[in-house]
Amino acid sequence: MDSDHTRLFNYTFGKIYVLYLQKIERKGRSKEELDQVLFWLTGHDAQSLGEAIADERTLEAFFARAPKLNPAKSLITGVICGVRVQDIDNQTVQNIRFMDKLVDEMAKGKALNKIMRS
């Protein structure tokens, strides 16, 4: 595993969650909407998401312990950090970038049903 992946994997989900929340709230979106999108992607519920935030779980552990990753995540496409998310080989990196992409779509005002590929 290269050092970029190591650094990315070791960010804590709780810190990233706060940054996501600040980003979407600046754009008029709510914590409830963010949570709904994260529930859709990861299978977490309010309790397990809260635990992941509180226990300083790394991003790697957050996805490793996700109850059920949504199979429709494969429908998420686009570019994050100059890389097409659908072309990322490392599954954990891809899941992190899928999450980034969903939050970006929220911040851009996309409807929740479109974000959640329904």
C-alpha atoms as a PDB file:
ATOM      1  CA  MET A   1       0.000   0.000   0.000  1.00  0.00           C
ATOM      2  CA  ASP A   2       1.461   3.363  -0.915  1.00  0.00           C
ATOM      3  CA  SER A   3       1.793   6.259   1.501  1.00  0.00           C
ATOM      4  CA  ASP A   4      -1.074   8.199  -0.123  1.00  0.00           C
ATOM      5  CA  HIS A   5      -3.452   5.324   0.613  1.00  0.00           C
ATOM      6  CA  THR A   6      -2.082   4.939   4.134  1.00  0.00           C
ATOM      7  CA  ARG A   7      -2.677   8.625   4.846  1.00  0.00           C
ATOM      8  CA  LEU A   8      -6.174   8.503   3.345  1.00  0.00           C
ATOM      9  CA  PHE A   9      -7.111   5.308   5.191  1.00  0.00           C
ATOM     10  CA  ASN A  10      -5.988   6.736   8.535  1.00  0.00           C
ATOM     11  CA  TYR A  11      -8.179   9.856   8.484  1.00  0.00           C
ATOM     12  CA  THR A  12     -10.872   9.457  11.102  1.00  0.00           C
ATOM     13  CA  PHE A  13     -14.406   9.212   9.828  1.00  0.00           C
ATOM     14  CA  GLY A  14     -15.611  11.592  12.559  1.00  0.00           C
ATOM     15  CA  LYS A  15     -13.324  14.387  11.348  1.00  0.00           C
ATOM     16  CA  ILE A  16     -14.301  13.820   7.726  1.00  0.00           C
ATOM     17  CA  TYR A  17     -17.988  13.747   8.718  1.00  0.00           C
ATOM     18  CA  VAL A  18     -17.676  17.187  10.356  1.00  0.00           C
ATOM     19  CA  LEU A  19     -16.066  18.566   7.182  1.00  0.00           C
ATOM     20  CA  TYR A  20     -18.814  17.041   5.017  1.00  0.00           C
ATOM     21  CA  LEU A  21     -21.467  18.500   7.302  1.00  0.00           C
ATOM     22  CA  GLN A  22     -19.937  21.978   7.151  1.00  0.00           C
ATOM     23  CA  LYS A  23     -19.706  21.766   3.360  1.00  0.00           C
ATOM     24  CA  ILE A  24     -23.304  20.746   2.783  1.00  0.00           C
ATOM     25  CA  GLU A  25     -24.777  23.075   5.435  1.00  0.00           C
ATOM     26  CA  ARG A  26     -23.090  26.048   3.699  1.00  0.00           C
ATOM     27  CA  LYS A  27     -25.095  25.007   0.644  1.00  0.00           C
ATOM     28  CA  GLY A  28     -28.407  24.760   2.528  1.00  0.00           C
ATOM     29  CA  ARG A  29     -28.465  20.988   3.016  1.00  0.00           C
ATOM     30  CA  SER A  30     -29.119  19.246   6.336  1.00  0.00           C
ATOM     31  CA  LYS A  31     -27.432  16.715   8.599  1.00  0.00           C
ATOM     32  CA  GLU A  32     -30.452  14.448   8.068  1.00  0.00           C
ATOM     33  CA  GLU A  33     -29.866  14.500   4.302  1.00  0.00           C
ATOM     34  CA  LEU A  34     -26.164  13.732   4.754  1.00  0.00           C
ATOM     35  CA  ASP A  35     -26.983  10.853   7.079  1.00  0.00           C
ATOM     36  CA  GLN A  36     -29.577   9.497   4.650  1.00  0.00           C
ATOM     37  CA  VAL A  37     -27.002   9.421   1.841  1.00  0.00           C
ATOM     38  CA  LEU A  38     -24.412   7.744   4.099  1.00  0.00           C
ATOM     39  CA  PHE A  39     -27.007   5.171   5.241  1.00  0.00           C
ATOM     40  CA  TRP A  40     -27.750   4.439   1.574  1.00  0.00           C
ATOM     41  CA  LEU A  41     -24.069   3.992   0.675  1.00  0.00           C
ATOM     42  CA  THR A  42     -22.909   1.997   3.705  1.00  0.00           C
ATOM     43  CA  GLY A  43     -25.921   0.316   5.293  1.00  0.00           C
ATOM     44  CA  HIS A  44     -25.171   2.118   8.563  1.00  0.00           C
ATOM     45  CA  ASP A  45     -28.104   3.340  10.648  1.00  0.00           C
ATOM     46  CA  ALA A  46     -28.198   6.281  13.065  1.00  0.00           C
ATOM     47  CA  GLN A  47     -26.721   4.236  15.916  1.00  0.00           C
ATOM     48  CA  SER A  48     -23.841   2.643  14.007  1.00  0.00           C
ATOM     49  CA  LEU A  49     -23.038   5.907  12.205  1.00  0.00           C
ATOM     50  CA  GLY A  50     -22.925   7.689  15.568  1.00  0.00           C
ATOM     51  CA  GLU A  51     -20.604   4.998  16.923  1.00  0.00           C
ATOM     52  CA  ALA A  52     -18.299   5.364  13.902  1.00  0.00           C
ATOM     53  CA  ILE A  53     -18.115   9.116  14.546  1.00  0.00           C
ATOM     54  CA  ALA A  54     -17.611   8.775  18.306  1.00  0.00           C
ATOM     55  CA  ASP A  55     -15.000   5.989  18.367  1.00  0.00           C
ATOM     56  CA  GLU A  56     -12.562   7.796  16.060  1.00  0.00           C
ATOM     57  CA  ARG A  57     -12.759   4.966  13.537  1.00  0.00           C
ATOM     58  CA  THR A  58     -10.478   5.379  10.535  1.00  0.00           C
ATOM     59  CA  LEU A  59     -11.964   5.593   7.052  1.00  0.00           C
ATOM     60  CA  GLU A  60     -10.515   2.165   6.337  1.00  0.00           C
ATOM     61  CA  ALA A  61     -12.273   0.689   9.403  1.00  0.00           C
ATOM     62  CA  PHE A  62     -15.469   2.633   8.643  1.00  0.00           C
ATOM     63  CA  PHE A  63     -15.823   0.890   5.291  1.00  0.00           C
ATOM     64  CA  ALA A  64     -14.495  -2.464   6.519  1.00  0.00           C
ATOM     65  CA  ARG A  65     -17.220  -2.469   9.198  1.00  0.00           C
ATOM     66  CA  ALA A  66     -20.000  -1.038   7.013  1.00  0.00           C
ATOM     67  CA  PRO A  67     -23.074  -3.247   7.483  1.00  0.00           C
ATOM     68  CA  LYS A  68     -23.867  -3.558   3.755  1.00  0.00           C
ATOM     69  CA  LEU A  69     -22.376  -1.482   0.979  1.00  0.00           C
ATOM     70  CA  ASN A  70     -25.052  -0.616  -1.532  1.00  0.00           C
ATOM     71  CA  PRO A  71     -24.584  -2.530  -4.816  1.00  0.00           C
ATOM     72  CA  ALA A  72     -25.933   0.531  -6.683  1.00  0.00           C
ATOM     73  CA  LYS A  73     -22.730   2.368  -5.698  1.00  0.00           C
ATOM     74  CA  SER A  74     -21.355   1.086  -9.002  1.00  0.00           C
ATOM     75  CA  LEU A  75     -23.656   3.626 -10.675  1.00  0.00           C
ATOM     76  CA  ILE A  76     -21.649   6.496  -9.132  1.00  0.00           C
ATOM     77  CA  THR A  77     -19.435   8.055 -11.789  1.00  0.00           C
ATOM     78  CA  GLY A  78     -17.419  11.209 -12.164  1.00  0.00           C
ATOM     79  CA  VAL A  79     -14.142  12.769 -11.140  1.00  0.00           C
ATOM     80  CA  ILE A  80     -12.771  13.355  -7.626  1.00  0.00           C
ATOM     81  CA  CYS A  81      -9.232  14.671  -7.137  1.00  0.00           C
ATOM     82  CA  GLY A  82      -8.633  14.361 -10.878  1.00  0.00           C
ATOM     83  CA  VAL A  83      -9.442  10.636 -10.963  1.00  0.00           C
ATOM     84  CA  ARG A  84     -12.546   8.914 -12.354  1.00  0.00           C
ATOM     85  CA  VAL A  85     -14.126   7.199  -9.344  1.00  0.00           C
ATOM     86  CA  GLN A  86     -15.371   4.284 -11.442  1.00  0.00           C
ATOM     87  CA  ASP A  87     -11.777   3.522 -12.544  1.00  0.00           C
ATOM     88  CA  ILE A  88     -10.194   3.262  -9.067  1.00  0.00           C
ATOM     89  CA  ASP A  89      -8.783  -0.243  -8.485  1.00  0.00           C
ATOM     90  CA  ASN A  90      -8.445  -0.235  -4.686  1.00  0.00           C
ATOM     91  CA  GLN A  91     -11.920  -0.985  -3.284  1.00  0.00           C
ATOM     92  CA  THR A  92     -11.457   1.025  -0.069  1.00  0.00           C
ATOM     93  CA  VAL A  93     -10.134   4.062  -1.937  1.00  0.00           C
ATOM     94  CA  GLN A  94     -13.007   3.744  -4.377  1.00  0.00           C
ATOM     95  CA  ASN A  95     -15.569   3.625  -1.549  1.00  0.00           C
ATOM     96  CA  ILE A  96     -14.035   6.719   0.062  1.00  0.00           C
ATOM     97  CA  ARG A  97     -14.145   8.545  -3.267  1.00  0.00           C
ATOM     98  CA  PHE A  98     -17.738   7.406  -3.878  1.00  0.00           C
ATOM     99  CA  MET A  99     -18.608   8.991  -0.529  1.00  0.00           C
ATOM    100  CA  ASP A 100     -16.769  12.191  -1.535  1.00  0.00           C
ATOM    101  CA  LYS A 101     -18.657  12.252  -4.838  1.00  0.00           C
ATOM    102  CA  LEU A 102     -22.047  11.870  -3.143  1.00  0.00           C
ATOM    103  CA  VAL A 103     -21.260  14.745  -0.771  1.00  0.00           C
ATOM    104  CA  ASP A 104     -20.135  16.900  -3.721  1.00  0.00           C
ATOM    105  CA  GLU A 105     -23.417  16.149  -5.478  1.00  0.00           C
ATOM    106  CA  MET A 106     -25.315  17.183  -2.334  1.00  0.00           C
ATOM    107  CA  ALA A 107     -23.354  20.441  -2.147  1.00  0.00           C
ATOM    108  CA  LYS A 108     -24.200  21.134  -5.790  1.00  0.00           C
ATOM    109  CA  GLY A 109     -27.916  20.854  -5.011  1.00  0.00           C
ATOM    110  CA  LYS A 110     -28.636  17.544  -6.708  1.00  0.00           C
ATOM    111  CA  ALA A 111     -31.894  15.885  -5.598  1.00  0.00           C
ATOM    112  CA  LEU A 112     -31.507  13.077  -3.043  1.00  0.00           C
ATOM    113  CA  ASN A 113     -33.252  10.500  -5.245  1.00  0.00           C
ATOM    114  CA  LYS A 114     -30.694  11.196  -7.993  1.00  0.00           C
ATOM    115  CA  ILE A 115     -27.774  11.121  -5.528  1.00  0.00           C
ATOM    116  CA  MET A 116     -28.974   7.746  -4.258  1.00  0.00           C
ATOM    117  CA  ARG A 117     -29.373   6.481  -7.834  1.00  0.00           C
ATOM    118  CA  SER A 118     -33.070   5.654  -7.459  1.00  0.00           C
END
